Amino acid sequence: MPEPIDVGELIAQRHREGSAPGARADAARLALVIEGGSSRGAYSHGMAMALEELGLTNCFDAVYGASAGALNGAWLLCGRAVDSRRAWHPTVINRVISPTRALRGGPVVDTHFLVHSVYERIVPMDFPAILANPVTFHPIATDTADGTAVDLHPFITDVPTLQRALRATTCLPILAGRSIPLGGRRYVDAGLSESVPVATALAQGATHVLVLRTRRADEKPSVPSRLETRVVANFLSRHAPGTVDSWMARAEIQHREEAAMTANPAVLQIRPPAGAPPIGRVGRNATVIQQALDLGHAATLTALRPYLSQELAPGA
């Protein structure tokens, strides 16, 4: 029996063959999983840009994304990941993320403006192209009733439901306001239940997974202060009661995710390099964000070059 092919080799093989979903010569199911992290998503956006530049989008059978990772997956699936770097321009970021807006009773993170203004007019996202792409799109969100991670793919049937799914997966508690309704349930940010949705991808039949990470290998999740813990727990208990336990246990959940990914030979992770600057959830430093885009892009080329050495575009 032949040795199982690893993730990088599978990507290179599919790239050489020019295969697409529904026309594969292999029996594998390859998922792209993109980690969340709000502003840290600049790293995975740079990674998605590299995948697009290398022409690898059709190598995947499905794209799973949590929070900002889902946004980056959407850009990749509509073929505009490179062009959408403009969405990280300071004039856009400072309008989407505004801590002072909370003083006026508004959300710190305005996902309505992001999806319905930035993605419709300022840096247009091709929503119909995402819906039509044979590579299926699976944004993850957290059910407010029971705190479970939910794949929103079955509820996405048209542009309005796709837009609502993008808002649901990025609905940070308190920072982005109230939960988002979709399919008869209400949802908040995926980070409360599954910030790196590898388990969901594997449960749905993925045999191989490429994961785009937004934290360095040596970077640990920040520990909230007692005040933050109390404030968030109180907010969730009123507006998303089923998520309180998962939010309180998120460090343990993330630890289990890390261990499971590291132990699985069918999972290949691409991370920001050592020394890459950390970015907070609502980070707005323009220099750091642009650096993160470039570092994520370079990390992807470095990780995939051994597999695609004969196929990389000139200058890649």
C-alpha atoms as a PDB file:
ATOM      1  CA  MET A   1       0.000   0.000   0.000  1.00  0.00           C
ATOM      2  CA  PRO A   2       1.519   3.385  -0.976  1.00  0.00           C
ATOM      3  CA  GLU A   3       2.513   5.861   1.720  1.00  0.00           C
ATOM      4  CA  PRO A   4      -0.125   8.545   2.300  1.00  0.00           C
ATOM      5  CA  ILE A   5       0.672  11.793   0.517  1.00  0.00           C
ATOM      6  CA  ASP A   6       1.330  14.776   2.775  1.00  0.00           C
ATOM      7  CA  VAL A   7      -0.417  18.133   2.513  1.00  0.00           C
ATOM      8  CA  GLY A   8       2.284  19.996   0.632  1.00  0.00           C
ATOM      9  CA  GLU A   9       2.732  17.189  -1.875  1.00  0.00           C
ATOM     10  CA  LEU A  10      -1.020  17.001  -2.435  1.00  0.00           C
ATOM     11  CA  ILE A  11      -1.165  20.738  -3.166  1.00  0.00           C
ATOM     12  CA  ALA A  12       1.745  20.477  -5.615  1.00  0.00           C
ATOM     13  CA  GLN A  13       0.213  17.448  -7.327  1.00  0.00           C
ATOM     14  CA  ARG A  14      -3.144  19.159  -7.790  1.00  0.00           C
ATOM     15  CA  HIS A  15      -1.441  22.311  -9.006  1.00  0.00           C
ATOM     16  CA  ARG A  16       0.493  20.357 -11.636  1.00  0.00           C
ATOM     17  CA  GLU A  17      -2.656  18.584 -12.775  1.00  0.00           C
ATOM     18  CA  GLY A  18      -4.743  21.750 -12.809  1.00  0.00           C
ATOM     19  CA  SER A  19      -7.557  19.890 -11.098  1.00  0.00           C
ATOM     20  CA  ALA A  20     -10.632  21.493  -9.565  1.00  0.00           C
ATOM     21  CA  PRO A  21     -13.422  20.267  -7.286  1.00  0.00           C
ATOM     22  CA  GLY A  22     -15.410  17.631  -9.111  1.00  0.00           C
ATOM     23  CA  ALA A  23     -12.517  16.798 -11.439  1.00  0.00           C
ATOM     24  CA  ARG A  24      -9.837  15.282  -9.222  1.00  0.00           C
ATOM     25  CA  ALA A  25      -7.553  12.378 -10.010  1.00  0.00           C
ATOM     26  CA  ASP A  26      -7.174  11.654  -6.280  1.00  0.00           C
ATOM     27  CA  ALA A  27      -9.649  10.651  -3.583  1.00  0.00           C
ATOM     28  CA  ALA A  28      -8.449  13.181  -1.023  1.00  0.00           C
ATOM     29  CA  ARG A  29     -10.436  16.085   0.401  1.00  0.00           C
ATOM     30  CA  LEU A  30      -8.202  19.079   1.059  1.00  0.00           C
ATOM     31  CA  ALA A  31      -9.453  21.853   3.334  1.00  0.00           C
ATOM     32  CA  LEU A  32      -7.958  25.296   3.847  1.00  0.00           C
ATOM     33  CA  VAL A  33      -8.522  26.479   7.424  1.00  0.00           C
ATOM     34  CA  ILE A  34      -7.879  30.114   8.355  1.00  0.00           C
ATOM     35  CA  GLU A  35      -7.491  31.192  11.977  1.00  0.00           C
ATOM     36  CA  GLY A  36      -9.352  34.180  13.392  1.00  0.00           C
ATOM     37  CA  GLY A  37      -8.010  36.996  15.533  1.00  0.00           C
ATOM     38  CA  SER A  38      -9.569  40.297  14.410  1.00  0.00           C
ATOM     39  CA  SER A  39      -6.653  42.607  13.515  1.00  0.00           C
ATOM     40  CA  ARG A  40      -4.236  39.645  13.660  1.00  0.00           C
ATOM     41  CA  GLY A  41      -6.006  38.560  10.487  1.00  0.00           C
ATOM     42  CA  ALA A  42      -3.530  40.760   8.614  1.00  0.00           C
ATOM     43  CA  TYR A  43      -1.119  37.820   8.850  1.00  0.00           C
ATOM     44  CA  SER A  44      -3.518  35.306   7.319  1.00  0.00           C
ATOM     45  CA  HIS A  45      -4.608  37.843   4.700  1.00  0.00           C
ATOM     46  CA  GLY A  46      -1.008  38.047   3.530  1.00  0.00           C
ATOM     47  CA  MET A  47      -0.950  34.246   3.433  1.00  0.00           C
ATOM     48  CA  ALA A  48      -4.149  34.168   1.365  1.00  0.00           C
ATOM     49  CA  MET A  49      -2.597  36.696  -1.022  1.00  0.00           C
ATOM     50  CA  ALA A  50       0.321  34.321  -1.587  1.00  0.00           C
ATOM     51  CA  LEU A  51      -1.998  31.369  -2.264  1.00  0.00           C
ATOM     52  CA  GLU A  52      -3.872  33.453  -4.838  1.00  0.00           C
ATOM     53  CA  GLU A  53      -0.675  34.653  -6.507  1.00  0.00           C
ATOM     54  CA  LEU A  54       0.552  31.059  -6.768  1.00  0.00           C
ATOM     55  CA  GLY A  55      -2.733  29.985  -8.365  1.00  0.00           C
ATOM     56  CA  LEU A  56      -3.517  27.464  -5.628  1.00  0.00           C
ATOM     57  CA  THR A  57      -7.137  28.324  -4.810  1.00  0.00           C
ATOM     58  CA  ASN A  58      -8.597  25.497  -6.918  1.00  0.00           C
ATOM     59  CA  CYS A  59      -6.361  22.983  -5.147  1.00  0.00           C
ATOM     60  CA  PHE A  60      -8.725  23.139  -2.159  1.00  0.00           C
ATOM     61  CA  ASP A  61     -12.108  21.473  -1.844  1.00  0.00           C
ATOM     62  CA  ALA A  62     -13.352  23.692   0.965  1.00  0.00           C
ATOM     63  CA  VAL A  63     -12.340  26.818   2.874  1.00  0.00           C
ATOM     64  CA  TYR A  64     -13.098  27.085   6.602  1.00  0.00           C
ATOM     65  CA  GLY A  65     -12.619  30.376   8.397  1.00  0.00           C
ATOM     66  CA  ALA A  66     -13.120  31.749  11.884  1.00  0.00           C
ATOM     67  CA  SER A  67     -13.787  35.463  12.373  1.00  0.00           C
ATOM     68  CA  ALA A  68     -11.218  37.471  10.378  1.00  0.00           C
ATOM     69  CA  GLY A  69     -10.094  34.168   8.878  1.00  0.00           C
ATOM     70  CA  ALA A  70     -13.503  33.799   7.244  1.00  0.00           C
ATOM     71  CA  LEU A  71     -13.173  37.260   5.715  1.00  0.00           C
ATOM     72  CA  ASN A  72      -9.794  36.333   4.264  1.00  0.00           C
ATOM     73  CA  GLY A  73     -11.212  33.072   2.942  1.00  0.00           C
ATOM     74  CA  ALA A  74     -13.992  35.007   1.237  1.00  0.00           C
ATOM     75  CA  TRP A  75     -11.477  37.291  -0.456  1.00  0.00           C
ATOM     76  CA  LEU A  76      -9.543  34.269  -1.705  1.00  0.00           C
ATOM     77  CA  LEU A  77     -12.666  32.557  -3.063  1.00  0.00           C
ATOM     78  CA  CYS A  78     -13.759  35.619  -5.013  1.00  0.00           C
ATOM     79  CA  GLY A  79     -10.305  36.002  -6.551  1.00  0.00           C
ATOM     80  CA  ARG A  80      -9.553  39.377  -4.977  1.00  0.00           C
ATOM     81  CA  ALA A  81      -7.243  38.543  -2.072  1.00  0.00           C
ATOM     82  CA  VAL A  82      -4.342  40.550  -3.507  1.00  0.00           C
ATOM     83  CA  ASP A  83      -6.444  43.541  -4.502  1.00  0.00           C
ATOM     84  CA  SER A  84      -8.212  43.579  -1.118  1.00  0.00           C
ATOM     85  CA  ARG A  85      -4.995  44.486   0.674  1.00  0.00           C
ATOM     86  CA  ARG A  86      -6.452  47.971   0.293  1.00  0.00           C
ATOM     87  CA  ALA A  87      -9.020  47.041   2.945  1.00  0.00           C
ATOM     88  CA  TRP A  88      -6.196  47.260   5.519  1.00  0.00           C
ATOM     89  CA  HIS A  89      -5.457  50.894   4.674  1.00  0.00           C
ATOM     90  CA  PRO A  90      -5.457  53.093   7.796  1.00  0.00           C
ATOM     91  CA  THR A  91      -8.418  55.154   6.579  1.00  0.00           C
ATOM     92  CA  VAL A  92     -10.486  51.961   6.400  1.00  0.00           C
ATOM     93  CA  ILE A  93      -9.201  50.312   9.578  1.00  0.00           C
ATOM     94  CA  ASN A  94      -9.688  53.457  11.656  1.00  0.00           C
ATOM     95  CA  ARG A  95     -13.297  53.673  10.496  1.00  0.00           C
ATOM     96  CA  VAL A  96     -14.033  49.983  11.117  1.00  0.00           C
ATOM     97  CA  ILE A  97     -12.257  49.915  14.498  1.00  0.00           C
ATOM     98  CA  SER A  98     -12.842  52.951  16.698  1.00  0.00           C
ATOM     99  CA  PRO A  99     -12.574  52.635  20.500  1.00  0.00           C
ATOM    100  CA  THR A 100     -13.926  56.162  20.958  1.00  0.00           C
ATOM    101  CA  ARG A 101     -17.170  55.166  19.223  1.00  0.00           C
ATOM    102  CA  ALA A 102     -18.083  53.253  22.392  1.00  0.00           C
ATOM    103  CA  LEU A 103     -18.357  56.596  24.185  1.00  0.00           C
ATOM    104  CA  ARG A 104     -21.275  57.422  21.881  1.00  0.00           C
ATOM    105  CA  GLY A 105     -22.910  54.044  22.412  1.00  0.00           C
ATOM    106  CA  GLY A 106     -21.677  52.572  19.151  1.00  0.00           C
ATOM    107  CA  PRO A 107     -19.661  49.404  18.491  1.00  0.00           C
ATOM    108  CA  VAL A 108     -15.887  49.486  18.724  1.00  0.00           C
ATOM    109  CA  VAL A 109     -15.781  47.138  15.719  1.00  0.00           C
ATOM    110  CA  ASP A 110     -18.374  48.160  13.123  1.00  0.00           C
ATOM    111  CA  THR A 111     -18.980  44.986  11.124  1.00  0.00           C
ATOM    112  CA  HIS A 112     -22.041  46.488   9.401  1.00  0.00           C
ATOM    113  CA  PHE A 113     -19.893  49.241   7.916  1.00  0.00           C
ATOM    114  CA  LEU A 114     -17.205  46.696   7.016  1.00  0.00           C
ATOM    115  CA  VAL A 115     -19.503  44.309   5.151  1.00  0.00           C
ATOM    116  CA  HIS A 116     -22.045  46.726   3.698  1.00  0.00           C
ATOM    117  CA  SER A 117     -19.874  49.760   2.958  1.00  0.00           C
ATOM    118  CA  VAL A 118     -16.245  48.666   2.639  1.00  0.00           C
ATOM    119  CA  TYR A 119     -17.016  45.357   0.935  1.00  0.00           C
ATOM    120  CA  GLU A 120     -19.758  46.778  -1.274  1.00  0.00           C
ATOM    121  CA  ARG A 121     -18.283  50.122  -2.380  1.00  0.00           C
ATOM    122  CA  ILE A 122     -14.834  50.995  -1.034  1.00  0.00           C
ATOM    123  CA  VAL A 123     -13.011  47.707  -1.665  1.00  0.00           C
ATOM    124  CA  PRO A 124     -15.698  45.628  -3.428  1.00  0.00           C
ATOM    125  CA  MET A 125     -15.947  41.927  -2.612  1.00  0.00           C
ATOM    126  CA  ASP A 126     -17.436  39.783  -5.389  1.00  0.00           C
ATOM    127  CA  PHE A 127     -20.116  38.050  -3.320  1.00  0.00           C
ATOM    128  CA  PRO A 128     -21.714  36.189  -6.283  1.00  0.00           C
ATOM    129  CA  ALA A 129     -18.292  34.711  -7.158  1.00  0.00           C
ATOM    130  CA  ILE A 130     -18.018  33.227  -3.673  1.00  0.00           C
ATOM    131  CA  LEU A 131     -21.473  31.681  -3.975  1.00  0.00           C
ATOM    132  CA  ALA A 132     -20.644  30.229  -7.403  1.00  0.00           C
ATOM    133  CA  ASN A 133     -17.180  28.911  -6.498  1.00  0.00           C
ATOM    134  CA  PRO A 134     -17.023  25.077  -6.476  1.00  0.00           C
ATOM    135  CA  VAL A 135     -14.603  25.392  -3.548  1.00  0.00           C
ATOM    136  CA  THR A 136     -17.167  25.564  -0.757  1.00  0.00           C
ATOM    137  CA  PHE A 137     -17.102  28.310   1.863  1.00  0.00           C
ATOM    138  CA  HIS A 138     -17.571  27.464   5.556  1.00  0.00           C
ATOM    139  CA  PRO A 139     -17.508  30.447   7.936  1.00  0.00           C
ATOM    140  CA  ILE A 140     -17.704  29.330  11.566  1.00  0.00           C
ATOM    141  CA  ALA A 141     -19.620  31.117  14.335  1.00  0.00           C
ATOM    142  CA  THR A 142     -20.601  30.421  17.940  1.00  0.00           C
ATOM    143  CA  ASP A 143     -24.233  29.622  18.753  1.00  0.00           C
ATOM    144  CA  THR A 144     -25.382  31.933  21.549  1.00  0.00           C
ATOM    145  CA  ALA A 145     -27.781  29.308  22.938  1.00  0.00           C
ATOM    146  CA  ASP A 146     -25.302  26.499  23.616  1.00  0.00           C
ATOM    147  CA  GLY A 147     -21.810  27.831  22.870  1.00  0.00           C
ATOM    148  CA  THR A 148     -21.077  25.318  20.102  1.00  0.00           C
ATOM    149  CA  ALA A 149     -19.115  26.022  16.945  1.00  0.00           C
ATOM    150  CA  VAL A 150     -21.456  26.057  13.943  1.00  0.00           C
ATOM    151  CA  ASP A 151     -20.613  25.858  10.259  1.00  0.00           C
ATOM    152  CA  LEU A 152     -22.782  28.538   8.630  1.00  0.00           C
ATOM    153  CA  HIS A 153     -22.414  27.089   5.115  1.00  0.00           C
ATOM    154  CA  PRO A 154     -25.902  25.498   5.038  1.00  0.00           C
ATOM    155  CA  PHE A 155     -27.523  28.875   5.762  1.00  0.00           C
ATOM    156  CA  ILE A 156     -25.753  30.754   2.970  1.00  0.00           C
ATOM    157  CA  THR A 157     -28.077  30.804  -0.036  1.00  0.00           C
ATOM    158  CA  ASP A 158     -27.679  34.290  -1.493  1.00  0.00           C
ATOM    159  CA  VAL A 159     -25.725  37.524  -1.083  1.00  0.00           C
ATOM    160  CA  PRO A 160     -27.668  38.803   1.977  1.00  0.00           C
ATOM    161  CA  THR A 161     -27.195  35.543   3.902  1.00  0.00           C
ATOM    162  CA  LEU A 162     -23.518  35.461   2.930  1.00  0.00           C
ATOM    163  CA  GLN A 163     -23.087  38.990   4.246  1.00  0.00           C
ATOM    164  CA  ARG A 164     -24.909  38.090   7.443  1.00  0.00           C
ATOM    165  CA  ALA A 165     -22.658  35.042   7.902  1.00  0.00           C
ATOM    166  CA  LEU A 166     -19.579  37.276   7.573  1.00  0.00           C
ATOM    167  CA  ARG A 167     -20.962  39.541  10.280  1.00  0.00           C
ATOM    168  CA  ALA A 168     -21.865  36.586  12.514  1.00  0.00           C
ATOM    169  CA  THR A 169     -18.420  34.992  12.417  1.00  0.00           C
ATOM    170  CA  THR A 170     -16.796  38.342  13.311  1.00  0.00           C
ATOM    171  CA  CYS A 171     -19.284  39.447  15.988  1.00  0.00           C
ATOM    172  CA  LEU A 172     -16.878  40.019  18.897  1.00  0.00           C
ATOM    173  CA  PRO A 173     -18.777  40.153  22.213  1.00  0.00           C
ATOM    174  CA  ILE A 174     -19.248  43.728  23.443  1.00  0.00           C
ATOM    175  CA  LEU A 175     -16.849  45.145  20.823  1.00  0.00           C
ATOM    176  CA  ALA A 176     -19.132  44.419  17.846  1.00  0.00           C
ATOM    177  CA  GLY A 177     -22.481  44.710  19.619  1.00  0.00           C
ATOM    178  CA  ARG A 178     -25.325  42.228  19.774  1.00  0.00           C
ATOM    179  CA  SER A 179     -25.377  38.751  18.225  1.00  0.00           C
ATOM    180  CA  ILE A 180     -26.328  38.225  14.561  1.00  0.00           C
ATOM    181  CA  PRO A 181     -29.403  36.180  13.536  1.00  0.00           C
ATOM    182  CA  LEU A 182     -29.122  33.582  10.779  1.00  0.00           C
ATOM    183  CA  GLY A 183     -31.145  30.465  10.038  1.00  0.00           C
ATOM    184  CA  GLY A 184     -33.354  30.885  13.099  1.00  0.00           C
ATOM    185  CA  ARG A 185     -30.447  31.076  15.575  1.00  0.00           C
ATOM    186  CA  ARG A 186     -28.182  33.834  16.840  1.00  0.00           C
ATOM    187  CA  TYR A 187     -24.402  33.838  16.615  1.00  0.00           C
ATOM    188  CA  VAL A 188     -21.286  35.579  17.889  1.00  0.00           C
ATOM    189  CA  ASP A 189     -17.606  35.411  16.987  1.00  0.00           C
ATOM    190  CA  ALA A 190     -16.132  31.997  16.211  1.00  0.00           C
ATOM    191  CA  GLY A 191     -13.265  32.582  18.625  1.00  0.00           C
ATOM    192  CA  LEU A 192     -15.454  31.682  21.578  1.00  0.00           C
ATOM    193  CA  SER A 193     -15.799  28.092  20.378  1.00  0.00           C
ATOM    194  CA  GLU A 194     -13.304  27.233  17.614  1.00  0.00           C
ATOM    195  CA  SER A 195     -10.787  29.862  16.568  1.00  0.00           C
ATOM    196  CA  VAL A 196      -8.970  27.378  14.313  1.00  0.00           C
ATOM    197  CA  PRO A 197     -11.735  25.173  12.842  1.00  0.00           C
ATOM    198  CA  VAL A 198      -9.639  22.148  11.965  1.00  0.00           C
ATOM    199  CA  ALA A 199     -11.867  19.806  13.997  1.00  0.00           C
ATOM    200  CA  THR A 200     -14.929  20.896  12.014  1.00  0.00           C
ATOM    201  CA  ALA A 201     -13.111  20.396   8.708  1.00  0.00           C
ATOM    202  CA  LEU A 202     -11.957  16.900   9.707  1.00  0.00           C
ATOM    203  CA  ALA A 203     -15.413  15.984  11.019  1.00  0.00           C
ATOM    204  CA  GLN A 204     -16.859  16.931   7.640  1.00  0.00           C
ATOM    205  CA  GLY A 205     -14.560  14.618   5.746  1.00  0.00           C
ATOM    206  CA  ALA A 206     -11.314  16.494   5.158  1.00  0.00           C
ATOM    207  CA  THR A 207      -8.376  14.125   4.732  1.00  0.00           C
ATOM    208  CA  HIS A 208      -5.753  16.884   4.529  1.00  0.00           C
ATOM    209  CA  VAL A 209      -5.715  20.387   5.995  1.00  0.00           C
ATOM    210  CA  LEU A 210      -3.586  23.459   5.329  1.00  0.00           C
ATOM    211  CA  VAL A 211      -3.910  25.912   8.229  1.00  0.00           C
ATOM    212  CA  LEU A 212      -3.104  29.619   8.026  1.00  0.00           C
ATOM    213  CA  ARG A 213      -2.276  30.818  11.548  1.00  0.00           C
ATOM    214  CA  THR A 214      -2.211  34.336  12.989  1.00  0.00           C
ATOM    215  CA  ARG A 215      -0.026  33.598  16.019  1.00  0.00           C
ATOM    216  CA  ARG A 216       3.641  32.668  16.074  1.00  0.00           C
ATOM    217  CA  ALA A 217       4.513  29.207  17.383  1.00  0.00           C
ATOM    218  CA  ASP A 218       5.892  30.762  20.578  1.00  0.00           C
ATOM    219  CA  GLU A 219       3.020  33.218  21.034  1.00  0.00           C
ATOM    220  CA  LYS A 220       0.441  32.391  23.671  1.00  0.00           C
ATOM    221  CA  PRO A 221      -3.082  33.797  23.878  1.00  0.00           C
ATOM    222  CA  SER A 222      -3.314  36.813  26.142  1.00  0.00           C
ATOM    223  CA  VAL A 223      -4.895  36.264  29.554  1.00  0.00           C
ATOM    224  CA  PRO A 224      -7.711  38.730  30.275  1.00  0.00           C
ATOM    225  CA  SER A 225      -7.715  40.722  33.477  1.00  0.00           C
ATOM    226  CA  ARG A 226     -10.214  39.994  36.231  1.00  0.00           C
ATOM    227  CA  LEU A 227     -12.143  43.103  35.238  1.00  0.00           C
ATOM    228  CA  GLU A 228     -12.336  42.041  31.579  1.00  0.00           C
ATOM    229  CA  THR A 229     -13.393  38.547  32.616  1.00  0.00           C
ATOM    230  CA  ARG A 230     -16.168  39.900  34.795  1.00  0.00           C
ATOM    231  CA  VAL A 231     -17.399  42.437  32.230  1.00  0.00           C
ATOM    232  CA  VAL A 232     -17.441  39.969  29.324  1.00  0.00           C
ATOM    233  CA  ALA A 233     -19.012  37.190  31.394  1.00  0.00           C
ATOM    234  CA  ASN A 234     -21.780  39.547  32.518  1.00  0.00           C
ATOM    235  CA  PHE A 235     -22.420  40.675  28.947  1.00  0.00           C
ATOM    236  CA  LEU A 236     -22.540  37.108  27.646  1.00  0.00           C
ATOM    237  CA  SER A 237     -24.808  35.934  30.437  1.00  0.00           C
ATOM    238  CA  ARG A 238     -27.371  38.511  29.293  1.00  0.00           C
ATOM    239  CA  HIS A 239     -26.995  38.344  25.515  1.00  0.00           C
ATOM    240  CA  ALA A 240     -25.400  34.971  24.708  1.00  0.00           C
ATOM    241  CA  PRO A 241     -25.855  32.778  27.798  1.00  0.00           C
ATOM    242  CA  GLY A 242     -24.797  29.554  26.124  1.00  0.00           C
ATOM    243  CA  THR A 243     -21.330  30.935  25.403  1.00  0.00           C
ATOM    244  CA  VAL A 244     -20.248  31.801  28.958  1.00  0.00           C
ATOM    245  CA  ASP A 245     -18.710  28.412  29.701  1.00  0.00           C
ATOM    246  CA  SER A 246     -16.894  28.216  26.357  1.00  0.00           C
ATOM    247  CA  TRP A 247     -15.540  31.750  26.784  1.00  0.00           C
ATOM    248  CA  MET A 248     -14.280  30.977  30.260  1.00  0.00           C
ATOM    249  CA  ALA A 249     -12.656  27.783  28.989  1.00  0.00           C
ATOM    250  CA  ARG A 250     -11.260  29.235  25.755  1.00  0.00           C
ATOM    251  CA  ALA A 251      -7.625  28.884  26.877  1.00  0.00           C
ATOM    252  CA  GLU A 252      -8.164  25.171  27.447  1.00  0.00           C
ATOM    253  CA  ILE A 253     -10.013  24.880  24.135  1.00  0.00           C
ATOM    254  CA  GLN A 254      -7.158  26.576  22.292  1.00  0.00           C
ATOM    255  CA  HIS A 255      -4.632  24.327  24.033  1.00  0.00           C
ATOM    256  CA  ARG A 256      -6.524  21.248  22.826  1.00  0.00           C
ATOM    257  CA  GLU A 257      -6.696  22.670  19.303  1.00  0.00           C
ATOM    258  CA  GLU A 258      -2.936  23.239  19.280  1.00  0.00           C
ATOM    259  CA  ALA A 259      -2.162  19.738  20.535  1.00  0.00           C
ATOM    260  CA  ALA A 260      -4.493  18.076  18.040  1.00  0.00           C
ATOM    261  CA  MET A 261      -3.073  19.996  15.074  1.00  0.00           C
ATOM    262  CA  THR A 262       0.527  19.374  16.047  1.00  0.00           C
ATOM    263  CA  ALA A 263      -0.069  15.633  16.447  1.00  0.00           C
ATOM    264  CA  ASN A 264      -1.887  15.177  13.135  1.00  0.00           C
ATOM    265  CA  PRO A 265       0.402  14.440  10.142  1.00  0.00           C
ATOM    266  CA  ALA A 266      -2.429  15.366   7.774  1.00  0.00           C
ATOM    267  CA  VAL A 267      -2.308  18.973   9.021  1.00  0.00           C
ATOM    268  CA  LEU A 268       0.247  21.487   7.732  1.00  0.00           C
ATOM    269  CA  GLN A 269       0.403  24.823   9.558  1.00  0.00           C
ATOM    270  CA  ILE A 270       1.805  28.090   8.232  1.00  0.00           C
ATOM    271  CA  ARG A 271       2.557  30.634  10.958  1.00  0.00           C
ATOM    272  CA  PRO A 272       3.998  34.130  11.256  1.00  0.00           C
ATOM    273  CA  PRO A 273       7.785  33.819  11.642  1.00  0.00           C
ATOM    274  CA  ALA A 274       9.746  34.133  14.848  1.00  0.00           C
ATOM    275  CA  GLY A 275      10.007  37.757  15.860  1.00  0.00           C
ATOM    276  CA  ALA A 276       6.843  38.809  14.039  1.00  0.00           C
ATOM    277  CA  PRO A 277       5.141  41.554  16.054  1.00  0.00           C
ATOM    278  CA  PRO A 278       2.074  40.620  18.096  1.00  0.00           C
ATOM    279  CA  ILE A 279      -1.165  42.394  17.180  1.00  0.00           C
ATOM    280  CA  GLY A 280      -4.045  42.940  19.571  1.00  0.00           C
ATOM    281  CA  ARG A 281      -7.647  42.202  18.649  1.00  0.00           C
ATOM    282  CA  VAL A 282      -8.321  45.845  17.853  1.00  0.00           C
ATOM    283  CA  GLY A 283      -4.805  46.801  16.811  1.00  0.00           C
ATOM    284  CA  ARG A 284      -4.674  49.720  14.367  1.00  0.00           C
ATOM    285  CA  ASN A 285      -0.950  50.444  14.018  1.00  0.00           C
ATOM    286  CA  ALA A 286      -0.635  50.954  10.259  1.00  0.00           C
ATOM    287  CA  THR A 287       3.066  50.094  10.098  1.00  0.00           C
ATOM    288  CA  VAL A 288       2.621  46.841  12.027  1.00  0.00           C
ATOM    289  CA  ILE A 289      -0.424  45.799   9.983  1.00  0.00           C
ATOM    290  CA  GLN A 290       1.371  46.361   6.677  1.00  0.00           C
ATOM    291  CA  GLN A 291       4.364  44.430   8.045  1.00  0.00           C
ATOM    292  CA  ALA A 292       2.044  41.572   9.044  1.00  0.00           C
ATOM    293  CA  LEU A 293       0.635  41.380   5.507  1.00  0.00           C
ATOM    294  CA  ASP A 294       4.151  41.109   4.086  1.00  0.00           C
ATOM    295  CA  LEU A 295       5.342  38.608   6.706  1.00  0.00           C
ATOM    296  CA  GLY A 296       2.302  36.375   6.175  1.00  0.00           C
ATOM    297  CA  HIS A 297       2.878  36.468   2.425  1.00  0.00           C
ATOM    298  CA  ALA A 298       6.559  35.579   2.803  1.00  0.00           C
ATOM    299  CA  ALA A 299       5.849  32.804   5.330  1.00  0.00           C
ATOM    300  CA  THR A 300       3.548  31.084   2.848  1.00  0.00           C
ATOM    301  CA  LEU A 301       6.097  31.215   0.038  1.00  0.00           C
ATOM    302  CA  THR A 302       8.736  29.815   2.404  1.00  0.00           C
ATOM    303  CA  ALA A 303       6.479  26.971   3.570  1.00  0.00           C
ATOM    304  CA  LEU A 304       5.337  25.922   0.098  1.00  0.00           C
ATOM    305  CA  ARG A 305       8.522  26.545  -1.878  1.00  0.00           C
ATOM    306  CA  PRO A 306       9.955  23.046  -1.164  1.00  0.00           C
ATOM    307  CA  TYR A 307       6.854  21.536  -2.783  1.00  0.00           C
ATOM    308  CA  LEU A 308       6.417  24.028  -5.612  1.00  0.00           C
ATOM    309  CA  SER A 309      10.058  24.773  -6.374  1.00  0.00           C
ATOM    310  CA  GLN A 310       9.597  23.917 -10.048  1.00  0.00           C
ATOM    311  CA  GLU A 311       6.327  25.776 -10.383  1.00  0.00           C
ATOM    312  CA  LEU A 312       6.658  29.081  -8.542  1.00  0.00           C
ATOM    313  CA  ALA A 313       5.979  32.149 -10.615  1.00  0.00           C
ATOM    314  CA  PRO A 314       9.044  34.221 -11.541  1.00  0.00           C
ATOM    315  CA  GLY A 315      10.111  36.366  -8.627  1.00  0.00           C
ATOM    316  CA  ALA A 316       7.956  34.457  -6.089  1.00  0.00           C
END
